[in-house]
Amino acid sequence: MNMMIKMVWLFSSLVLMVLAGCSADNTSKSNQLEMVDSASRPDSEVRHARIYLYDKGRITTEIYSEEIHKFEQLDSTMGYQLDIDFYDSTGQVISQVVGDSGVIRENSGQLSIFGNVVVINEEKTKLETDYLFWNTTTDKIYTDAFVRITTDDGVLTGWGLEADQKLSSYQILSKVSGTAKDVDKFIE
C-alpha cells in the first residue's frame, strides 16, 4: 500500500509538472505573439492629416494624407492616398506629387512613394511611374521603374529616372523612346 501511495504521488507530480510546463510554454508563446503583434502596430495613427515641413522657418513641403501610421522604432511613417506639394523659397509650388502610399524615413531623409505616382512641375511637365524615391538631403528623385514624361514638346518613355525635385532636369536611364515636336530640346 505504501508503494501504491508513492506511485500515485509520483504520477501526480509528473502530471503537474507536465501541465505546468505546457502552461509556461503557452504563456511564453502568447507573450511572444503579443510582442510581435505590438511591434507591428503603429505608435500613432492620424486620419485626414496635413503635415508641413519647414527649413529655417519657411514651408518647404506640404503633405496631405488620408491616413498616416507612425512606427517610431522602425523610423517609418506610412501614408496612404498622398498629395504632396513642394515649395520654393518664395512660397510658390514648384512641383506636386500624388501616389497611393508612401514611406518616410526621417533619420535618412528618404521618401518612397508607391502606386500610380504622378509628378507635375510648375512648367506642367508630367511624370508617371509605379514608384519613386526622393532623397531630401540631395533633393533628387529616382526610380528604376517604367516612366512616362509628358511635356508640351512631346512624350518620352523608358526605364529608370534620375531628376531634381523640380523635374526641370531629368535623365531616363534606358530603353528611351517617344515623340517630340522639337527633338533638339531633348538631345544634349
Protein backbone atom coordinates (compact mmCIF):
# COMPACT_ATOMS: atom_id res chain seq x y z
CA MET A 1 0.00 0.00 0.00
CA ASN A 2 2.80 2.35 0.86
CA MET A 3 4.26 1.65 -2.56
CA MET A 4 0.90 2.43 -4.21
CA ILE A 5 0.72 5.85 -2.47
CA LYS A 6 4.26 6.64 -3.65
CA MET A 7 3.34 5.67 -7.24
CA VAL A 8 0.19 7.85 -7.18
CA TRP A 9 2.17 10.73 -5.68
CA LEU A 10 4.93 10.33 -8.29
CA PHE A 11 2.41 10.10 -11.12
CA SER A 12 0.51 13.17 -9.81
CA SER A 13 3.77 15.12 -9.55
CA LEU A 14 4.69 14.23 -13.14
CA VAL A 15 1.26 15.26 -14.41
CA LEU A 16 1.51 18.59 -12.55
CA MET A 17 4.99 19.25 -13.95
CA VAL A 18 3.86 18.47 -17.49
CA LEU A 19 0.82 20.72 -17.08
CA ALA A 20 2.96 23.50 -15.60
CA GLY A 21 5.42 23.12 -18.48
CA CYS A 22 2.63 23.31 -21.05
CA SER A 23 1.17 26.30 -19.30
CA ALA A 24 4.54 28.08 -19.26
CA ASP A 25 5.08 27.30 -22.95
CA ASN A 26 1.64 28.64 -23.83
CA THR A 27 2.28 31.78 -21.79
CA SER A 28 5.70 32.21 -23.38
CA LYS A 29 4.25 31.75 -26.87
CA SER A 30 1.39 34.08 -26.00
CA ASN A 31 3.85 36.74 -24.79
CA GLN A 32 5.92 36.33 -27.95
CA LEU A 33 2.83 36.72 -30.13
CA GLU A 34 1.80 39.82 -28.18
CA MET A 35 5.29 41.31 -28.63
CA VAL A 36 5.24 40.63 -32.40
CA ASP A 37 1.70 41.97 -32.65
CA SER A 38 2.54 45.15 -30.73
CA ALA A 39 5.66 45.68 -32.87
CA SER A 40 3.50 45.61 -36.00
CA ARG A 41 1.03 48.11 -34.58
CA PRO A 42 1.77 51.78 -35.20
CA ASP A 43 2.68 54.05 -32.31
CA SER A 44 0.17 56.57 -33.62
CA GLU A 45 -2.43 56.87 -36.37
CA VAL A 46 -3.88 60.01 -37.90
CA ARG A 47 -6.64 60.35 -40.45
CA HIS A 48 -7.04 63.24 -42.93
CA ALA A 49 -3.70 64.75 -41.95
CA ARG A 50 -1.95 67.79 -43.37
CA ILE A 51 1.74 67.99 -42.44
CA TYR A 52 4.09 70.88 -43.14
CA LEU A 53 7.87 70.53 -43.37
CA TYR A 54 9.96 73.62 -42.66
CA ASP A 55 13.50 74.77 -43.33
CA LYS A 56 14.62 77.81 -41.33
CA GLY A 57 11.06 78.94 -40.75
CA ARG A 58 9.76 78.58 -44.30
CA ILE A 59 7.48 75.86 -45.60
CA THR A 60 9.29 73.51 -47.98
CA THR A 61 6.72 70.73 -48.27
CA GLU A 62 3.03 70.20 -47.56
CA ILE A 63 1.87 66.59 -47.27
CA TYR A 64 -1.78 65.60 -47.20
CA SER A 65 -2.67 62.00 -46.45
CA GLU A 66 -5.95 60.19 -45.90
CA GLU A 67 -4.27 58.06 -43.23
CA ILE A 68 -0.86 58.07 -41.53
CA HIS A 69 0.72 55.35 -39.37
CA LYS A 70 3.85 56.21 -37.36
CA PHE A 71 6.29 53.46 -36.28
CA GLU A 72 8.89 55.11 -34.00
CA GLN A 73 11.24 52.13 -33.57
CA LEU A 74 11.34 51.44 -37.30
CA ASP A 75 11.86 55.12 -38.25
CA SER A 76 8.91 54.74 -40.60
CA THR A 77 5.87 56.84 -41.21
CA MET A 78 3.44 55.32 -43.69
CA GLY A 79 0.92 57.46 -45.52
CA TYR A 80 -1.99 56.45 -47.73
CA GLN A 81 -3.55 58.46 -50.58
CA LEU A 82 -0.76 61.03 -50.65
CA ASP A 83 -0.91 64.52 -52.14
CA ILE A 84 2.37 66.41 -51.72
CA ASP A 85 3.30 69.98 -52.70
CA PHE A 86 6.90 71.20 -52.79
CA TYR A 87 7.56 74.94 -52.38
CA ASP A 88 10.42 77.20 -53.46
CA SER A 89 11.98 79.92 -51.29
CA THR A 90 9.24 82.41 -52.28
CA GLY A 91 6.41 80.08 -51.23
CA GLN A 92 5.37 79.08 -54.75
CA VAL A 93 4.55 75.45 -55.53
CA ILE A 94 7.34 74.06 -57.71
CA SER A 95 6.06 70.50 -58.02
CA GLN A 96 3.19 68.30 -56.92
CA VAL A 97 3.23 64.55 -56.28
CA VAL A 98 0.36 62.13 -55.77
CA GLY A 99 0.51 58.42 -55.04
CA ASP A 100 -1.38 55.58 -53.43
CA SER A 101 1.01 55.20 -50.48
CA GLY A 102 4.39 56.19 -49.19
CA VAL A 103 7.01 55.66 -46.50
CA ILE A 104 9.00 58.45 -44.87
CA ARG A 105 12.25 57.61 -43.09
CA GLU A 106 13.10 60.76 -41.18
CA ASN A 107 16.58 59.75 -39.99
CA SER A 108 17.86 59.08 -43.50
CA GLY A 109 15.77 61.74 -45.26
CA GLN A 110 14.14 59.25 -47.63
CA LEU A 111 10.62 59.38 -49.03
CA SER A 112 9.31 56.45 -51.09
CA ILE A 113 6.02 56.79 -52.97
CA PHE A 114 4.21 53.79 -54.46
CA GLY A 115 1.25 53.14 -56.76
CA ASN A 116 0.00 55.44 -59.51
CA VAL A 117 2.69 58.04 -58.85
CA VAL A 118 2.26 61.30 -60.75
CA VAL A 119 4.60 64.31 -60.50
CA ILE A 120 3.75 67.65 -62.13
CA ASN A 121 6.11 70.62 -62.03
CA GLU A 122 5.38 74.33 -62.49
CA GLU A 123 6.07 74.07 -66.26
CA LYS A 124 3.39 71.33 -66.42
CA THR A 125 5.91 68.56 -67.13
CA LYS A 126 4.20 65.37 -66.01
CA LEU A 127 5.99 62.23 -64.79
CA GLU A 128 4.06 58.98 -64.35
CA THR A 129 5.52 55.82 -62.76
CA ASP A 130 4.75 52.97 -60.36
CA TYR A 131 7.13 54.09 -57.61
CA LEU A 132 9.51 56.91 -56.89
CA PHE A 133 12.19 57.65 -54.30
CA TRP A 134 13.06 61.14 -53.10
CA ASN A 135 16.24 61.91 -51.17
CA THR A 136 15.54 65.06 -49.15
CA THR A 137 19.20 65.76 -48.44
CA THR A 138 20.10 65.93 -52.14
CA ASP A 139 16.64 66.98 -53.44
CA LYS A 140 16.92 64.25 -56.09
CA ILE A 141 14.22 61.84 -57.22
CA TYR A 142 14.86 58.49 -58.84
CA THR A 143 13.27 55.19 -59.84
CA ASP A 144 14.18 52.08 -61.77
CA ALA A 145 10.56 51.51 -62.85
CA PHE A 146 8.97 52.35 -66.18
CA VAL A 147 8.45 56.12 -66.61
CA ARG A 148 6.40 58.32 -68.89
CA ILE A 149 7.20 62.02 -69.16
CA THR A 150 4.78 64.32 -70.94
CA THR A 151 5.71 67.90 -71.86
CA ASP A 152 4.41 70.50 -74.30
CA ASP A 153 7.09 69.23 -76.70
CA GLY A 154 6.20 65.54 -76.62
CA VAL A 155 6.17 62.27 -74.70
CA LEU A 156 9.18 60.24 -73.59
CA THR A 157 9.08 56.76 -72.06
CA GLY A 158 11.71 54.40 -70.73
CA TRP A 159 13.05 52.57 -67.71
CA GLY A 160 14.62 54.33 -64.77
CA LEU A 161 14.92 58.02 -63.99
CA GLU A 162 17.15 60.44 -62.15
CA ALA A 163 15.90 64.01 -61.72
CA ASP A 164 15.87 67.04 -59.50
CA GLN A 165 12.76 67.53 -57.36
CA LYS A 166 11.58 70.35 -59.65
CA LEU A 167 11.63 67.89 -62.56
CA SER A 168 13.33 70.62 -64.58
CA SER A 169 16.37 68.41 -65.22
CA TYR A 170 15.93 64.67 -65.72
CA GLN A 171 17.50 61.67 -67.36
CA ILE A 172 15.70 58.50 -68.42
CA LEU A 173 18.20 55.68 -67.89
CA SER A 174 17.37 53.02 -70.50
CA LYS A 175 15.13 51.95 -73.38
CA VAL A 176 14.16 55.54 -74.15
CA SER A 177 11.55 56.17 -76.83
CA GLY A 178 8.98 58.80 -77.60
CA THR A 179 7.66 61.51 -79.83
CA ALA A 180 8.68 65.16 -79.88
CA LYS A 181 7.83 68.36 -81.69
CA ASP A 182 11.42 69.61 -81.38
CA VAL A 183 13.92 66.76 -81.00
CA ASP A 184 16.82 69.15 -80.30
CA LYS A 185 15.27 70.09 -76.91
CA PHE A 186 15.68 66.51 -75.75
CA ILE A 187 19.22 65.94 -77.01
CA GLU A 188 22.13 67.36 -75.06
